[in-house]
Structure formats: C-alpha cells, structure tokens
Amino acid sequence: MAIIALRAWYLPQYEPLEHIEQRPHDLRLNKSSLLKTALRADFLDDLETVQRSEWFQRYRLGETVEFYIEGSGSYTIANIDVLSHEIYFIKSDRLSYLEPTLFFSGADSPSSDEIRTALKDFINHTPSRLALELVESPRSASAPLRLESPFITQLRRSLLFIADGSGNEHLSPMVALELGYALASKRRNQILIIQQEHPDQRAPLPIEIPSRQRLIYSHSQELSKKLTPLLQTLLEPFELFRQ
C-alpha cells in the first residue's frame, strides 16, 4: 500500500488555522485507520527526533498534547507505541477554527456606542500575541439576517460574542436573534452580555447567564474600568496576553 504522508502541527496554545498552516509542520504521519472520533497513524519521522521533541516530552509527563492533522482536523494523543511507530489520536474540540475576533451585537443606541468605543479601546491598548479585530454585522431595516450570511460565520468563529443587553422593555430584535444563535453555536464561556443600568429598567434579561459573563454598568467610565479585566479573564483560554 502506498504511503501518503500527512502533515501534522503541534498545538501548544490557541492559533488560528491560517497561521498554523503557514508554519513548518512538526510531524509526518501515515494514516492507517480513521473513525468518527479517533484516528490511528504511523509516524514517519525518525524515532530519535520524535523523542527529543517538546510535544513528546509533554506527553511523557502526562500532559494533554494536541495536533492539527492535515485534512482531518484537531486531535489529542491518546497513546503512542514507539516500537511500532504508531500513534492513537482522539478527536479534539480544539479552538483552532476560531478567528482572533470579538463579535459585537449592538443596537442603534447610546449604550451600544459606549460599548463599541470601550471594546475598540481594549483592542487598541491591550498587547496581544495575535492582533484582535472587532466585528459587527450590518444593520438594515429592509434586509433580514440570513443564516448563510458571512457575518453569521464570523459570529460562530469569533473568540467572544458580546451583546448589548440594555433596554427598558426588551432586547433589540437583531441583538436577540444574534444572541440566540450564539447560545446555540458557541460555548457558554464565549458569551458576554453587557447592560447599562437605567432607573426605569423593568425587563430582566430573558436568559440565564452566569454573573462572570454579565457586566452591568451605569456610566462609560465604569464600563471602561470593568471591561478590560473581564475580557482578559474570558480570553484566558487562548493565552493571548502571556508575557
């Protein structure tokens, strides 16, 4: 049987897919079997080279080691047989398909303007190993939001979904729609609701969100003070701000 070498990239931390494929691969594999949630492959690299690698040393210490495998996606190493050069992988829910973006769902309101400004200030003044970008979907009274829209894809692939939950009676219809899609397609820890307090606010948020993913503020200075540490906490899994 002919050997078809597949490239594999070691994933020590979050990295967008387009960045991964631009750097040299870390391992060459020959896929021997593929299941829905697992993969078995022979490694084609020299054994001594493999044993000296950072990822192998981490595996020996019992740490979780993940790879992006060309054409197959992200996998975690389950077991290695060095004598037969076999590696057993398990499908991983790695976040490499995400893009380094923050998706903001806002309304035509002063609170959304304040939140948008605060988010831009965070991006512009917080050093990050990957350049972050603020993304919004366009608002149109005549054109409905379609599920096949590229902006829905951007919502799904963003690191964080941030919604303006302010409002006296109810959420903006577009914010409610995008929030519903985010709740269905993203992890709960990738969602942040920001609300401006109003003395006459009567309607509570119609969904349950943990307090750590909900920011309530009364004025723009308080928003700026609270938002930066909260965003840094929510983005910790991506290790963007390590010194």
C-alpha atoms as a PDB file:
ATOM      1  CA  MET A   1       0.000   0.000   0.000  1.00  0.00           C
ATOM      2  CA  ALA A   2       1.355   3.400  -0.946  1.00  0.00           C
ATOM      3  CA  ILE A   3       2.284   5.743   1.874  1.00  0.00           C
ATOM      4  CA  ILE A   4       0.550   9.113   1.753  1.00  0.00           C
ATOM      5  CA  ALA A   5       2.336  11.421   4.155  1.00  0.00           C
ATOM      6  CA  LEU A   6       0.129  13.821   6.089  1.00  0.00           C
ATOM      7  CA  ARG A   7       1.498  16.880   7.818  1.00  0.00           C
ATOM      8  CA  ALA A   8       0.681  17.450  11.482  1.00  0.00           C
ATOM      9  CA  TRP A   9       1.178  20.599  13.540  1.00  0.00           C
ATOM     10  CA  TYR A  10       1.673  20.595  17.301  1.00  0.00           C
ATOM     11  CA  LEU A  11      -0.777  22.943  19.093  1.00  0.00           C
ATOM     12  CA  PRO A  12       0.693  24.120  22.405  1.00  0.00           C
ATOM     13  CA  GLN A  13      -1.746  27.059  22.511  1.00  0.00           C
ATOM     14  CA  TYR A  14      -4.573  28.679  20.546  1.00  0.00           C
ATOM     15  CA  GLU A  15      -3.588  29.569  16.998  1.00  0.00           C
ATOM     16  CA  PRO A  16      -5.843  30.403  14.023  1.00  0.00           C
ATOM     17  CA  LEU A  17      -5.893  27.743  11.330  1.00  0.00           C
ATOM     18  CA  GLU A  18      -4.407  30.011   8.661  1.00  0.00           C
ATOM     19  CA  HIS A  19      -1.453  30.717  10.971  1.00  0.00           C
ATOM     20  CA  ILE A  20      -0.939  27.037  11.689  1.00  0.00           C
ATOM     21  CA  GLU A  21      -0.646  26.052   8.038  1.00  0.00           C
ATOM     22  CA  GLN A  22       1.848  28.840   7.331  1.00  0.00           C
ATOM     23  CA  ARG A  23       4.485  27.472   9.705  1.00  0.00           C
ATOM     24  CA  PRO A  24       6.552  24.294   9.230  1.00  0.00           C
ATOM     25  CA  HIS A  25       4.829  21.088  10.283  1.00  0.00           C
ATOM     26  CA  ASP A  26       6.023  19.230  13.372  1.00  0.00           C
ATOM     27  CA  LEU A  27       5.296  15.636  12.392  1.00  0.00           C
ATOM     28  CA  ARG A  28       4.661  13.469   9.338  1.00  0.00           C
ATOM     29  CA  LEU A  29       2.046  10.745   9.555  1.00  0.00           C
ATOM     30  CA  ASN A  30       0.745   7.849   7.505  1.00  0.00           C
ATOM     31  CA  LYS A  31      -2.932   7.382   8.354  1.00  0.00           C
ATOM     32  CA  SER A  32      -3.774   3.712   8.879  1.00  0.00           C
ATOM     33  CA  SER A  33      -7.380   3.966  10.095  1.00  0.00           C
ATOM     34  CA  LEU A  34      -9.935   6.686  10.657  1.00  0.00           C
ATOM     35  CA  LEU A  35     -13.083   6.572  12.780  1.00  0.00           C
ATOM     36  CA  LYS A  36     -15.615   9.286  13.542  1.00  0.00           C
ATOM     37  CA  THR A  37     -13.912  10.260  16.796  1.00  0.00           C
ATOM     38  CA  ALA A  38     -10.461   8.658  16.512  1.00  0.00           C
ATOM     39  CA  LEU A  39      -7.514   8.174  14.206  1.00  0.00           C
ATOM     40  CA  ARG A  40      -4.581   5.759  14.117  1.00  0.00           C
ATOM     41  CA  ALA A  41      -1.425   6.644  12.241  1.00  0.00           C
ATOM     42  CA  ASP A  42       2.227   5.693  11.860  1.00  0.00           C
ATOM     43  CA  PHE A  43       4.697   8.488  12.401  1.00  0.00           C
ATOM     44  CA  LEU A  44       7.253   8.738   9.611  1.00  0.00           C
ATOM     45  CA  ASP A  45       9.819  10.864  11.400  1.00  0.00           C
ATOM     46  CA  ASP A  46      12.961   9.430  12.936  1.00  0.00           C
ATOM     47  CA  LEU A  47      12.292   7.996  16.404  1.00  0.00           C
ATOM     48  CA  GLU A  48      15.151   9.922  17.982  1.00  0.00           C
ATOM     49  CA  THR A  49      13.808  13.183  16.567  1.00  0.00           C
ATOM     50  CA  VAL A  50      10.335  12.404  17.904  1.00  0.00           C
ATOM     51  CA  GLN A  51      11.623  11.579  21.390  1.00  0.00           C
ATOM     52  CA  ARG A  52      13.547  14.861  21.564  1.00  0.00           C
ATOM     53  CA  SER A  53      10.533  16.976  20.606  1.00  0.00           C
ATOM     54  CA  GLU A  54       8.734  19.251  23.053  1.00  0.00           C
ATOM     55  CA  TRP A  55       5.381  17.591  22.419  1.00  0.00           C
ATOM     56  CA  PHE A  56       6.750  14.103  23.177  1.00  0.00           C
ATOM     57  CA  GLN A  57       8.300  15.307  26.434  1.00  0.00           C
ATOM     58  CA  ARG A  58       4.947  16.782  27.446  1.00  0.00           C
ATOM     59  CA  TYR A  59       3.202  13.519  26.526  1.00  0.00           C
ATOM     60  CA  ARG A  60       5.628  11.562  28.725  1.00  0.00           C
ATOM     61  CA  LEU A  61       4.779  13.873  31.628  1.00  0.00           C
ATOM     62  CA  GLY A  62       1.095  13.029  31.221  1.00  0.00           C
ATOM     63  CA  GLU A  63       0.045  16.367  29.739  1.00  0.00           C
ATOM     64  CA  THR A  64      -2.583  16.752  27.038  1.00  0.00           C
ATOM     65  CA  VAL A  65      -0.901  17.029  23.621  1.00  0.00           C
ATOM     66  CA  GLU A  66      -2.877  18.197  20.604  1.00  0.00           C
ATOM     67  CA  PHE A  67      -2.154  18.266  16.885  1.00  0.00           C
ATOM     68  CA  TYR A  68      -3.857  19.660  13.849  1.00  0.00           C
ATOM     69  CA  ILE A  69      -3.670  16.922  11.199  1.00  0.00           C
ATOM     70  CA  GLU A  70      -3.827  17.906   7.569  1.00  0.00           C
ATOM     71  CA  GLY A  71      -7.268  17.229   6.122  1.00  0.00           C
ATOM     72  CA  SER A  72      -8.631  15.701   9.328  1.00  0.00           C
ATOM     73  CA  GLY A  73      -8.828  18.395  11.996  1.00  0.00           C
ATOM     74  CA  SER A  74      -7.614  18.623  15.582  1.00  0.00           C
ATOM     75  CA  TYR A  75      -6.768  15.552  17.661  1.00  0.00           C
ATOM     76  CA  THR A  76      -5.422  14.727  21.110  1.00  0.00           C
ATOM     77  CA  ILE A  77      -2.836  11.975  21.541  1.00  0.00           C
ATOM     78  CA  ALA A  78      -4.311   9.011  23.418  1.00  0.00           C
ATOM     79  CA  ASN A  79      -1.362   6.607  23.206  1.00  0.00           C
ATOM     80  CA  ILE A  80       1.988   6.146  21.472  1.00  0.00           C
ATOM     81  CA  ASP A  81       3.660   2.830  20.655  1.00  0.00           C
ATOM     82  CA  VAL A  82       7.256   3.835  19.947  1.00  0.00           C
ATOM     83  CA  LEU A  83       8.288   0.291  18.929  1.00  0.00           C
ATOM     84  CA  SER A  84       5.734   0.125  16.105  1.00  0.00           C
ATOM     85  CA  HIS A  85       5.808   3.887  15.418  1.00  0.00           C
ATOM     86  CA  GLU A  86       2.048   4.097  15.988  1.00  0.00           C
ATOM     87  CA  ILE A  87       0.124   6.986  17.482  1.00  0.00           C
ATOM     88  CA  TYR A  88      -3.514   6.773  18.530  1.00  0.00           C
ATOM     89  CA  PHE A  89      -5.447  10.046  18.373  1.00  0.00           C
ATOM     90  CA  ILE A  90      -8.853  11.106  19.721  1.00  0.00           C
ATOM     91  CA  LYS A  91     -10.879  13.852  18.032  1.00  0.00           C
ATOM     92  CA  SER A  92     -10.436  17.109  19.885  1.00  0.00           C
ATOM     93  CA  ASP A  93     -12.708  20.098  20.380  1.00  0.00           C
ATOM     94  CA  ARG A  94      -9.755  22.384  19.782  1.00  0.00           C
ATOM     95  CA  LEU A  95     -10.421  26.038  19.085  1.00  0.00           C
ATOM     96  CA  SER A  96      -8.095  26.467  16.100  1.00  0.00           C
ATOM     97  CA  TYR A  97     -11.094  27.021  13.805  1.00  0.00           C
ATOM     98  CA  LEU A  98     -11.841  30.250  15.666  1.00  0.00           C
ATOM     99  CA  GLU A  99     -10.601  33.587  14.377  1.00  0.00           C
ATOM    100  CA  PRO A 100      -8.954  36.257  16.580  1.00  0.00           C
ATOM    101  CA  THR A 101     -12.066  38.440  16.577  1.00  0.00           C
ATOM    102  CA  LEU A 102     -14.561  39.836  19.063  1.00  0.00           C
ATOM    103  CA  PHE A 103     -18.094  39.883  17.640  1.00  0.00           C
ATOM    104  CA  PHE A 104     -20.230  42.725  18.966  1.00  0.00           C
ATOM    105  CA  SER A 105     -24.014  42.637  18.635  1.00  0.00           C
ATOM    106  CA  GLY A 106     -25.323  46.128  19.227  1.00  0.00           C
ATOM    107  CA  ALA A 107     -28.324  48.329  18.598  1.00  0.00           C
ATOM    108  CA  ASP A 108     -28.791  51.902  17.432  1.00  0.00           C
ATOM    109  CA  SER A 109     -28.468  53.269  20.951  1.00  0.00           C
ATOM    110  CA  PRO A 110     -26.140  55.313  23.190  1.00  0.00           C
ATOM    111  CA  SER A 111     -25.268  52.220  25.247  1.00  0.00           C
ATOM    112  CA  SER A 112     -24.098  50.347  22.131  1.00  0.00           C
ATOM    113  CA  ASP A 113     -21.986  53.344  21.138  1.00  0.00           C
ATOM    114  CA  GLU A 114     -20.328  53.319  24.578  1.00  0.00           C
ATOM    115  CA  ILE A 115     -19.711  49.569  24.482  1.00  0.00           C
ATOM    116  CA  ARG A 116     -18.306  49.745  20.955  1.00  0.00           C
ATOM    117  CA  THR A 117     -15.900  52.509  21.975  1.00  0.00           C
ATOM    118  CA  ALA A 118     -14.786  50.570  25.063  1.00  0.00           C
ATOM    119  CA  LEU A 119     -14.173  47.418  23.008  1.00  0.00           C
ATOM    120  CA  LYS A 120     -12.081  49.343  20.474  1.00  0.00           C
ATOM    121  CA  ASP A 121     -10.059  50.893  23.313  1.00  0.00           C
ATOM    122  CA  PHE A 122      -9.418  47.426  24.742  1.00  0.00           C
ATOM    123  CA  ILE A 123      -8.197  46.096  21.387  1.00  0.00           C
ATOM    124  CA  ASN A 124      -6.019  49.133  20.701  1.00  0.00           C
ATOM    125  CA  HIS A 125      -4.413  49.345  24.151  1.00  0.00           C
ATOM    126  CA  THR A 126      -4.063  45.712  25.263  1.00  0.00           C
ATOM    127  CA  PRO A 127      -0.898  43.997  23.959  1.00  0.00           C
ATOM    128  CA  SER A 128      -1.747  40.614  22.434  1.00  0.00           C
ATOM    129  CA  ARG A 129       0.354  37.984  20.671  1.00  0.00           C
ATOM    130  CA  LEU A 130      -2.350  37.934  17.961  1.00  0.00           C
ATOM    131  CA  ALA A 131      -3.933  41.055  16.523  1.00  0.00           C
ATOM    132  CA  LEU A 132      -7.573  41.192  17.640  1.00  0.00           C
ATOM    133  CA  GLU A 133     -10.340  42.652  15.488  1.00  0.00           C
ATOM    134  CA  LEU A 134     -13.813  43.914  16.338  1.00  0.00           C
ATOM    135  CA  VAL A 135     -16.536  42.541  14.036  1.00  0.00           C
ATOM    136  CA  GLU A 136     -20.189  43.570  13.718  1.00  0.00           C
ATOM    137  CA  SER A 137     -22.976  42.562  11.382  1.00  0.00           C
ATOM    138  CA  PRO A 138     -24.561  45.397   9.363  1.00  0.00           C
ATOM    139  CA  ARG A 139     -27.961  46.661  10.438  1.00  0.00           C
ATOM    140  CA  SER A 140     -30.636  47.032   7.764  1.00  0.00           C
ATOM    141  CA  ALA A 141     -34.357  47.655   8.169  1.00  0.00           C
ATOM    142  CA  SER A 142     -35.089  46.036   4.798  1.00  0.00           C
ATOM    143  CA  ALA A 143     -32.611  43.119   4.572  1.00  0.00           C
ATOM    144  CA  PRO A 144     -33.135  40.224   7.027  1.00  0.00           C
ATOM    145  CA  LEU A 145     -30.225  38.454   8.669  1.00  0.00           C
ATOM    146  CA  ARG A 146     -29.700  35.134   6.875  1.00  0.00           C
ATOM    147  CA  LEU A 147     -28.159  32.074   8.500  1.00  0.00           C
ATOM    148  CA  GLU A 148     -25.868  31.586   5.495  1.00  0.00           C
ATOM    149  CA  SER A 149     -24.604  35.167   5.856  1.00  0.00           C
ATOM    150  CA  PRO A 150     -20.808  35.542   6.200  1.00  0.00           C
ATOM    151  CA  PHE A 151     -21.490  37.575   9.339  1.00  0.00           C
ATOM    152  CA  ILE A 152     -23.142  34.566  10.966  1.00  0.00           C
ATOM    153  CA  THR A 153     -19.995  32.588  10.155  1.00  0.00           C
ATOM    154  CA  GLN A 154     -17.926  35.348  11.760  1.00  0.00           C
ATOM    155  CA  LEU A 155     -20.153  35.192  14.842  1.00  0.00           C
ATOM    156  CA  ARG A 156     -19.665  31.443  15.127  1.00  0.00           C
ATOM    157  CA  ARG A 157     -15.890  31.667  14.627  1.00  0.00           C
ATOM    158  CA  SER A 158     -15.261  34.606  16.965  1.00  0.00           C
ATOM    159  CA  LEU A 159     -13.347  34.160  20.219  1.00  0.00           C
ATOM    160  CA  LEU A 160     -16.064  36.013  22.114  1.00  0.00           C
ATOM    161  CA  PHE A 161     -19.628  37.067  21.340  1.00  0.00           C
ATOM    162  CA  ILE A 162     -20.513  40.303  23.127  1.00  0.00           C
ATOM    163  CA  ALA A 163     -24.074  41.637  23.165  1.00  0.00           C
ATOM    164  CA  ASP A 164     -25.608  44.873  24.359  1.00  0.00           C
ATOM    165  CA  GLY A 165     -28.347  43.650  26.676  1.00  0.00           C
ATOM    166  CA  SER A 166     -29.561  47.124  27.628  1.00  0.00           C
ATOM    167  CA  GLY A 167     -33.201  48.046  27.162  1.00  0.00           C
ATOM    168  CA  ASN A 168     -36.226  49.104  29.153  1.00  0.00           C
ATOM    169  CA  GLU A 169     -38.771  46.679  27.700  1.00  0.00           C
ATOM    170  CA  HIS A 170     -36.902  44.092  25.626  1.00  0.00           C
ATOM    171  CA  LEU A 171     -33.741  43.439  23.665  1.00  0.00           C
ATOM    172  CA  SER A 172     -33.275  44.832  20.190  1.00  0.00           C
ATOM    173  CA  PRO A 173     -34.708  42.220  17.756  1.00  0.00           C
ATOM    174  CA  MET A 174     -31.371  41.842  15.944  1.00  0.00           C
ATOM    175  CA  VAL A 175     -29.457  41.527  19.215  1.00  0.00           C
ATOM    176  CA  ALA A 176     -31.965  38.913  20.406  1.00  0.00           C
ATOM    177  CA  LEU A 177     -31.591  36.973  17.153  1.00  0.00           C
ATOM    178  CA  GLU A 178     -27.781  37.007  17.210  1.00  0.00           C
ATOM    179  CA  LEU A 179     -27.725  36.163  20.920  1.00  0.00           C
ATOM    180  CA  GLY A 180     -29.971  33.175  20.287  1.00  0.00           C
ATOM    181  CA  TYR A 181     -27.671  31.938  17.530  1.00  0.00           C
ATOM    182  CA  ALA A 182     -24.624  32.452  19.771  1.00  0.00           C
ATOM    183  CA  LEU A 183     -26.248  30.437  22.569  1.00  0.00           C
ATOM    184  CA  ALA A 184     -26.893  27.599  20.105  1.00  0.00           C
ATOM    185  CA  SER A 185     -23.482  27.592  18.424  1.00  0.00           C
ATOM    186  CA  LYS A 186     -20.879  28.766  20.932  1.00  0.00           C
ATOM    187  CA  ARG A 187     -19.590  27.604  24.280  1.00  0.00           C
ATOM    188  CA  ARG A 188     -21.196  29.390  27.209  1.00  0.00           C
ATOM    189  CA  ASN A 189     -17.848  30.857  28.305  1.00  0.00           C
ATOM    190  CA  GLN A 190     -17.545  32.574  24.917  1.00  0.00           C
ATOM    191  CA  ILE A 191     -20.559  34.818  25.520  1.00  0.00           C
ATOM    192  CA  LEU A 192     -20.631  38.157  27.350  1.00  0.00           C
ATOM    193  CA  ILE A 193     -23.719  40.304  27.978  1.00  0.00           C
ATOM    194  CA  ILE A 194     -23.198  43.987  28.804  1.00  0.00           C
ATOM    195  CA  GLN A 195     -26.070  46.026  30.244  1.00  0.00           C
ATOM    196  CA  GLN A 196     -26.334  49.689  31.097  1.00  0.00           C
ATOM    197  CA  GLU A 197     -28.396  50.308  34.204  1.00  0.00           C
ATOM    198  CA  HIS A 198     -31.462  52.501  33.878  1.00  0.00           C
ATOM    199  CA  PRO A 199     -33.563  53.731  36.817  1.00  0.00           C
ATOM    200  CA  ASP A 200     -36.737  52.764  34.959  1.00  0.00           C
ATOM    201  CA  GLN A 201     -35.497  49.441  33.605  1.00  0.00           C
ATOM    202  CA  ARG A 202     -38.272  46.891  34.095  1.00  0.00           C
ATOM    203  CA  ALA A 203     -37.464  43.878  31.948  1.00  0.00           C
ATOM    204  CA  PRO A 204     -34.849  41.378  33.216  1.00  0.00           C
ATOM    205  CA  LEU A 205     -32.589  39.601  30.756  1.00  0.00           C
ATOM    206  CA  PRO A 206     -34.754  36.783  29.296  1.00  0.00           C
ATOM    207  CA  ILE A 207     -31.999  34.151  29.651  1.00  0.00           C
ATOM    208  CA  GLU A 208     -29.819  32.884  32.476  1.00  0.00           C
ATOM    209  CA  ILE A 209     -26.188  33.970  32.153  1.00  0.00           C
ATOM    210  CA  PRO A 210     -23.557  33.350  34.870  1.00  0.00           C
ATOM    211  CA  SER A 211     -22.601  36.544  36.693  1.00  0.00           C
ATOM    212  CA  ARG A 212     -18.993  36.251  35.465  1.00  0.00           C
ATOM    213  CA  GLN A 213     -20.294  36.646  31.899  1.00  0.00           C
ATOM    214  CA  ARG A 214     -22.509  39.609  32.607  1.00  0.00           C
ATOM    215  CA  LEU A 215     -21.304  43.176  33.058  1.00  0.00           C
ATOM    216  CA  ILE A 216     -23.637  45.861  34.412  1.00  0.00           C
ATOM    217  CA  TYR A 217     -22.524  49.478  34.384  1.00  0.00           C
ATOM    218  CA  SER A 218     -24.035  52.901  34.950  1.00  0.00           C
ATOM    219  CA  HIS A 219     -21.681  55.223  33.027  1.00  0.00           C
ATOM    220  CA  SER A 220     -18.903  54.973  30.429  1.00  0.00           C
ATOM    221  CA  GLN A 221     -16.065  55.436  32.954  1.00  0.00           C
ATOM    222  CA  GLU A 222     -17.315  52.460  34.972  1.00  0.00           C
ATOM    223  CA  LEU A 223     -17.657  50.415  31.777  1.00  0.00           C
ATOM    224  CA  SER A 224     -14.031  51.072  30.778  1.00  0.00           C
ATOM    225  CA  LYS A 225     -12.805  50.197  34.270  1.00  0.00           C
ATOM    226  CA  LYS A 226     -14.706  46.891  34.465  1.00  0.00           C
ATOM    227  CA  LEU A 227     -14.430  45.709  30.852  1.00  0.00           C
ATOM    228  CA  THR A 228     -10.663  45.232  30.461  1.00  0.00           C
ATOM    229  CA  PRO A 229     -10.113  42.756  33.354  1.00  0.00           C
ATOM    230  CA  LEU A 230     -13.304  40.871  32.446  1.00  0.00           C
ATOM    231  CA  LEU A 231     -12.280  40.446  28.798  1.00  0.00           C
ATOM    232  CA  GLN A 232      -8.798  39.336  29.840  1.00  0.00           C
ATOM    233  CA  THR A 233     -10.356  36.688  32.091  1.00  0.00           C
ATOM    234  CA  LEU A 234     -12.733  35.410  29.401  1.00  0.00           C
ATOM    235  CA  LEU A 235      -9.879  35.276  26.850  1.00  0.00           C
ATOM    236  CA  GLU A 236      -7.505  33.410  29.195  1.00  0.00           C
ATOM    237  CA  PRO A 237      -8.038  30.015  27.461  1.00  0.00           C
ATOM    238  CA  PHE A 238      -6.459  31.454  24.311  1.00  0.00           C
ATOM    239  CA  GLU A 239      -3.297  32.617  26.133  1.00  0.00           C
ATOM    240  CA  LEU A 240      -3.194  35.881  24.194  1.00  0.00           C
ATOM    241  CA  PHE A 241      -1.744  38.046  26.935  1.00  0.00           C
ATOM    242  CA  ARG A 242       1.086  35.922  28.331  1.00  0.00           C
ATOM    243  CA  GLN A 243       4.342  37.781  28.878  1.00  0.00           C
END
